């Protein structure tokens, strides 16, 4: 493996039971169970380890009515990663399930879009419908990181390291970004919540928590253009990710999978 080629892991840390009408703008006539998995992702090789998003903790799970499957730190430890040693963390957007747990990564530098920090600290947060996905404490933690010179802001397209690119997508939130990673099977795109489920991209439909519907739908085109193929795009909350990709190791079934491997 070269310096700019990476292993990629999805770690499932929590779960929420939902029905399909709750997952689409305009509802869904099928009205079937369609649960959400909550993930953090790891991008690593011999030279570096980058964590994508930080998840949330047990207290937030209780507040929001979610179920922790295994804490984020436990998933990282299973991959031999100590949170204190992580140097780079990408925050795809600042919703509670992607930007909680910031204190876990006490020595990390955070990579964030300018537009997302502006959105999460600006006038849109005066509206309950817009701030619902955010937690003031999580936002404040990242603001403190700014003042500690631990945030690297990106405007549109950026790079964490060779082979790890950041691309502003928008739609779900004003500043959501996806992560493009060079792997042994080509360019994999960690969409995060630019597409919650495979069904959103495949059926040109939208998740109902959004900033701009047009940007969300146009974002699917950008995700496809960035990835080596549609099979290289990883949605942010789909349980099918656990079924389609091989388990990362013994005892990791329905917990940690390899995304740099070919899907089943």
Protein backbone atom coordinates (compact mmCIF):
# COMPACT_ATOMS: atom_id res chain seq x y z
CA UNK A 1 0.00 0.00 0.00
CA UNK A 2 1.36 3.42 -0.99
CA UNK A 3 1.39 6.57 1.15
CA UNK A 4 -1.76 7.88 -0.57
CA UNK A 5 -3.80 4.65 -0.48
CA UNK A 6 -5.87 3.74 2.57
CA UNK A 7 -7.85 1.14 4.40
CA UNK A 8 -11.36 2.39 5.21
CA UNK A 9 -13.59 1.20 8.05
CA UNK A 10 -17.18 1.87 9.07
CA UNK A 11 -17.84 1.54 12.80
CA UNK A 12 -21.46 1.21 13.89
CA UNK A 13 -21.96 2.74 17.31
CA UNK A 14 -25.72 3.35 17.66
CA UNK A 15 -29.11 2.55 16.17
CA UNK A 16 -32.62 4.02 15.90
CA UNK A 17 -35.76 2.17 14.82
CA UNK A 18 -37.79 4.19 12.31
CA UNK A 19 -40.39 3.59 9.64
CA UNK A 20 -39.82 4.49 6.01
CA UNK A 21 -42.26 7.45 5.82
CA UNK A 22 -40.04 9.27 8.33
CA UNK A 23 -37.00 8.95 6.05
CA UNK A 24 -38.28 10.66 2.90
CA UNK A 25 -39.58 14.07 1.98
CA UNK A 26 -43.22 13.39 1.10
CA UNK A 27 -43.29 10.16 3.12
CA UNK A 28 -43.26 6.65 1.71
CA UNK A 29 -46.32 4.60 0.66
CA UNK A 30 -44.67 1.30 1.61
CA UNK A 31 -44.56 2.20 5.33
CA UNK A 32 -42.04 -0.45 6.38
CA UNK A 33 -39.38 -0.59 9.08
CA UNK A 34 -36.34 1.40 7.95
CA UNK A 35 -33.94 1.84 10.88
CA UNK A 36 -30.94 4.14 11.01
CA UNK A 37 -27.47 2.98 11.94
CA UNK A 38 -25.07 5.58 13.29
CA UNK A 39 -21.47 5.37 12.09
CA UNK A 40 -18.05 6.88 12.46
CA UNK A 41 -15.41 6.08 9.86
CA UNK A 42 -11.67 5.45 9.96
CA UNK A 43 -9.23 6.08 7.13
CA UNK A 44 -5.76 4.69 7.82
CA UNK A 45 -2.49 3.38 6.45
CA UNK A 46 1.02 2.95 7.87
CA UNK A 47 1.67 6.71 7.82
CA UNK A 48 -1.53 8.20 9.27
CA UNK A 49 -4.94 7.65 10.81
CA UNK A 50 -7.86 9.99 10.14
CA UNK A 51 -11.19 9.67 11.95
CA UNK A 52 -14.29 10.91 10.14
CA UNK A 53 -16.91 12.23 12.57
CA UNK A 54 -17.05 11.63 16.31
CA UNK A 55 -20.53 10.26 17.08
CA UNK A 56 -22.32 10.82 20.39
CA UNK A 57 -22.18 9.41 23.92
CA UNK A 58 -24.59 7.60 26.23
CA UNK A 59 -25.95 10.80 27.74
CA UNK A 60 -26.87 12.14 24.30
CA UNK A 61 -28.35 8.78 23.33
CA UNK A 62 -30.65 9.00 26.34
CA UNK A 63 -31.59 12.61 25.58
CA UNK A 64 -32.34 11.85 21.92
CA UNK A 65 -33.91 8.42 22.37
CA UNK A 66 -31.18 6.51 20.52
CA UNK A 67 -29.52 3.22 21.48
CA UNK A 68 -25.76 2.92 21.81
CA UNK A 69 -24.61 -0.41 20.38
CA UNK A 70 -20.96 0.01 21.35
CA UNK A 71 -19.31 3.30 22.36
CA UNK A 72 -17.24 5.05 19.70
CA UNK A 73 -14.01 4.70 21.68
CA UNK A 74 -14.52 0.93 21.93
CA UNK A 75 -14.83 0.63 18.16
CA UNK A 76 -11.66 2.62 17.64
CA UNK A 77 -9.80 0.55 20.23
CA UNK A 78 -10.86 -2.61 18.38
CA UNK A 79 -8.89 -1.22 15.41
CA UNK A 80 -5.90 -0.42 17.60
CA UNK A 81 -6.63 3.32 17.73
CA UNK A 82 -6.37 5.33 20.94
CA UNK A 83 -8.47 8.49 20.80
CA UNK A 84 -5.78 10.60 22.47
CA UNK A 85 -3.36 9.69 19.69
CA UNK A 86 -5.61 10.73 16.78
CA UNK A 87 -4.18 13.80 15.07
CA UNK A 88 -6.80 14.55 12.39
CA UNK A 89 -10.59 14.38 12.61
CA UNK A 90 -12.92 15.34 9.78
CA UNK A 91 -16.28 16.75 10.85
CA UNK A 92 -18.62 16.24 7.91
CA UNK A 93 -21.19 18.50 9.58
CA UNK A 94 -21.94 19.64 13.11
CA UNK A 95 -25.12 17.70 13.90
CA UNK A 96 -25.07 16.04 17.32
CA UNK A 97 -24.50 12.55 15.88
CA UNK A 98 -21.45 13.63 13.88
CA UNK A 99 -19.84 16.23 16.15
CA UNK A 100 -20.47 14.97 19.67
CA UNK A 101 -17.63 13.32 21.58
CA UNK A 102 -15.20 16.10 20.63
CA UNK A 103 -13.49 15.88 24.07
CA UNK A 104 -12.52 12.27 23.26
CA UNK A 105 -10.01 13.56 20.73
CA UNK A 106 -8.11 15.94 22.96
CA UNK A 107 -5.08 16.27 20.67
CA UNK A 108 -6.77 16.23 17.26
CA UNK A 109 -7.00 18.90 14.63
CA UNK A 110 -10.51 19.23 13.19
CA UNK A 111 -11.28 19.71 9.50
CA UNK A 112 -14.49 21.62 8.86
CA UNK A 113 -16.13 23.67 6.13
CA UNK A 114 -16.32 27.45 6.65
CA UNK A 115 -20.00 27.35 5.73
CA UNK A 116 -20.83 24.79 8.42
CA UNK A 117 -19.36 26.78 11.30
CA UNK A 118 -21.04 29.92 9.99
CA UNK A 119 -24.36 28.07 9.71
CA UNK A 120 -24.16 26.47 13.16
CA UNK A 121 -23.34 29.75 14.91
CA UNK A 122 -25.44 32.13 12.80
CA UNK A 123 -28.98 33.40 12.45
CA UNK A 124 -30.41 30.12 11.17
CA UNK A 125 -29.98 28.69 14.66
CA UNK A 126 -32.66 31.12 15.87
CA UNK A 127 -35.21 28.74 14.32
CA UNK A 128 -36.05 25.51 16.12
CA UNK A 129 -36.52 23.58 12.87
CA UNK A 130 -33.02 24.53 11.73
CA UNK A 131 -31.21 23.97 15.05
CA UNK A 132 -32.95 20.71 15.92
CA UNK A 133 -30.01 18.58 14.77
CA UNK A 134 -27.44 20.66 16.64
CA UNK A 135 -26.42 20.69 20.28
CA UNK A 136 -25.12 23.97 21.72
CA UNK A 137 -22.45 22.19 23.78
CA UNK A 138 -21.08 20.37 20.73
CA UNK A 139 -20.93 23.62 18.76
CA UNK A 140 -19.26 25.36 21.71
CA UNK A 141 -16.63 22.61 21.96
CA UNK A 142 -15.64 23.22 18.37
CA UNK A 143 -15.61 26.99 18.87
CA UNK A 144 -13.18 26.44 21.76
CA UNK A 145 -11.07 24.33 19.38
CA UNK A 146 -11.01 27.26 16.96
CA UNK A 147 -9.59 29.48 19.70
CA UNK A 148 -7.06 26.77 20.55
CA UNK A 149 -5.89 26.76 16.92
CA UNK A 150 -7.16 23.21 16.45
CA UNK A 151 -9.55 23.72 13.53
CA UNK A 152 -8.53 23.80 9.88
CA UNK A 153 -11.25 25.41 7.79
CA UNK A 154 -11.93 24.42 4.20
CA UNK A 155 -13.83 26.33 1.54
CA UNK A 156 -15.33 23.93 -1.00
CA UNK A 157 -12.60 21.45 -1.87
CA UNK A 158 -9.73 20.64 0.47
CA UNK A 159 -7.19 17.96 1.36
CA UNK A 160 -6.36 16.37 4.69
CA UNK A 161 -3.45 14.41 3.21
CA UNK A 162 -2.60 12.98 -0.22
CA UNK A 163 -5.44 10.62 -1.13
CA UNK A 164 -7.92 12.11 1.40
CA UNK A 165 -10.02 14.89 -0.10
CA UNK A 166 -12.87 16.98 1.27
CA UNK A 167 -15.72 18.18 -0.94
CA UNK A 168 -18.49 20.56 0.06
CA UNK A 169 -21.88 19.11 -0.92
CA UNK A 170 -24.51 21.11 0.99
CA UNK A 171 -28.21 20.31 1.14
CA UNK A 172 -28.64 18.44 4.41
CA UNK A 173 -26.87 21.30 6.18
CA UNK A 174 -25.37 24.40 4.61
CA UNK A 175 -21.81 23.21 5.09
CA UNK A 176 -21.93 19.42 4.91
CA UNK A 177 -18.88 17.86 3.25
CA UNK A 178 -18.15 14.37 1.99
CA UNK A 179 -14.77 12.61 2.08
CA UNK A 180 -13.12 11.12 -1.02
CA UNK A 181 -10.52 8.45 -0.24
CA UNK A 182 -8.11 6.60 -2.51
CA UNK A 183 -8.28 2.88 -1.73
CA UNK A 184 -7.10 -0.38 -3.28
CA UNK A 185 -10.40 -0.58 -5.18
CA UNK A 186 -10.43 3.02 -6.38
CA UNK A 187 -11.93 6.26 -5.09
CA UNK A 188 -14.39 5.61 -2.25
CA UNK A 189 -16.67 8.47 -1.20
CA UNK A 190 -17.89 8.64 2.39
CA UNK A 191 -21.08 10.55 1.67
CA UNK A 192 -22.05 10.97 5.32
CA UNK A 193 -25.49 12.59 5.41
CA UNK A 194 -25.27 13.95 1.89
CA UNK A 195 -27.19 10.68 1.36
CA UNK A 196 -28.53 8.92 4.45
CA UNK A 197 -29.55 5.72 2.63
CA UNK A 198 -28.68 4.08 -0.68
CA UNK A 199 -32.34 4.66 -1.60
CA UNK A 200 -31.94 8.42 -1.52
CA UNK A 201 -29.30 8.45 -4.26
CA UNK A 202 -30.75 5.57 -6.25
CA UNK A 203 -34.32 6.92 -6.29
CA UNK A 204 -33.49 10.65 -6.35
CA UNK A 205 -35.33 11.21 -3.09
CA UNK A 206 -34.47 13.28 -0.03
CA UNK A 207 -34.18 12.86 3.72
CA UNK A 208 -36.58 15.28 5.45
CA UNK A 209 -33.96 17.08 7.59
CA UNK A 210 -32.44 19.60 5.21
CA UNK A 211 -31.23 23.12 4.59
CA UNK A 212 -31.77 23.21 0.82
CA UNK A 213 -33.61 20.54 -1.14
CA UNK A 214 -32.16 21.51 -4.52
CA UNK A 215 -28.60 21.37 -3.19
CA UNK A 216 -29.28 17.96 -1.66
CA UNK A 217 -30.56 16.50 -4.94
CA UNK A 218 -27.79 18.10 -7.00
CA UNK A 219 -25.32 16.74 -4.47
CA UNK A 220 -26.03 13.19 -5.63
CA UNK A 221 -24.55 14.08 -9.03
CA UNK A 222 -21.41 15.36 -7.36
CA UNK A 223 -21.07 12.21 -5.25
CA UNK A 224 -21.30 10.06 -8.38
CA UNK A 225 -18.72 12.18 -10.16
CA UNK A 226 -16.27 11.87 -7.26
CA UNK A 227 -16.57 8.09 -6.82
CA UNK A 228 -15.02 5.43 -9.07
CA UNK A 229 -18.53 3.95 -9.46
CA UNK A 230 -21.90 4.11 -7.69
CA UNK A 231 -20.74 1.10 -5.65
CA UNK A 232 -17.96 3.25 -4.24
CA UNK A 233 -20.38 5.65 -2.47
CA UNK A 234 -21.08 4.94 1.21
CA UNK A 235 -24.29 6.45 2.64
CA UNK A 236 -24.33 7.90 6.14
CA UNK A 237 -26.89 5.78 8.01
CA UNK A 238 -27.90 2.75 5.96
CA UNK A 239 -27.85 -0.64 7.76
CA UNK A 240 -27.16 -2.22 4.36
CA UNK A 241 -23.55 -1.05 4.70
CA UNK A 242 -23.09 -3.72 7.38
CA UNK A 243 -24.51 -6.36 5.04
CA UNK A 244 -22.70 -5.39 1.84
CA UNK A 245 -19.14 -5.12 3.15
CA UNK A 246 -16.91 -7.75 4.77
CA UNK A 247 -16.41 -7.84 8.52
CA UNK A 248 -13.12 -6.22 9.53
CA UNK A 249 -12.07 -8.95 11.93
CA UNK A 250 -13.08 -11.62 14.39
CA UNK A 251 -15.85 -10.54 16.74
CA UNK A 252 -16.73 -7.49 14.60
CA UNK A 253 -19.86 -8.80 12.87
CA UNK A 254 -22.55 -6.07 12.58
CA UNK A 255 -20.06 -3.66 14.16
CA UNK A 256 -17.03 -2.89 11.97
CA UNK A 257 -16.67 -3.50 8.21
CA UNK A 258 -14.00 -2.85 5.56
CA UNK A 259 -15.06 -0.34 2.91
CA UNK A 260 -11.86 -0.59 0.87
CA UNK A 261 -12.83 -4.20 0.06
CA UNK A 262 -15.23 -5.10 -2.73
CA UNK A 263 -18.87 -5.17 -1.63
CA UNK A 264 -20.70 -8.46 -1.63
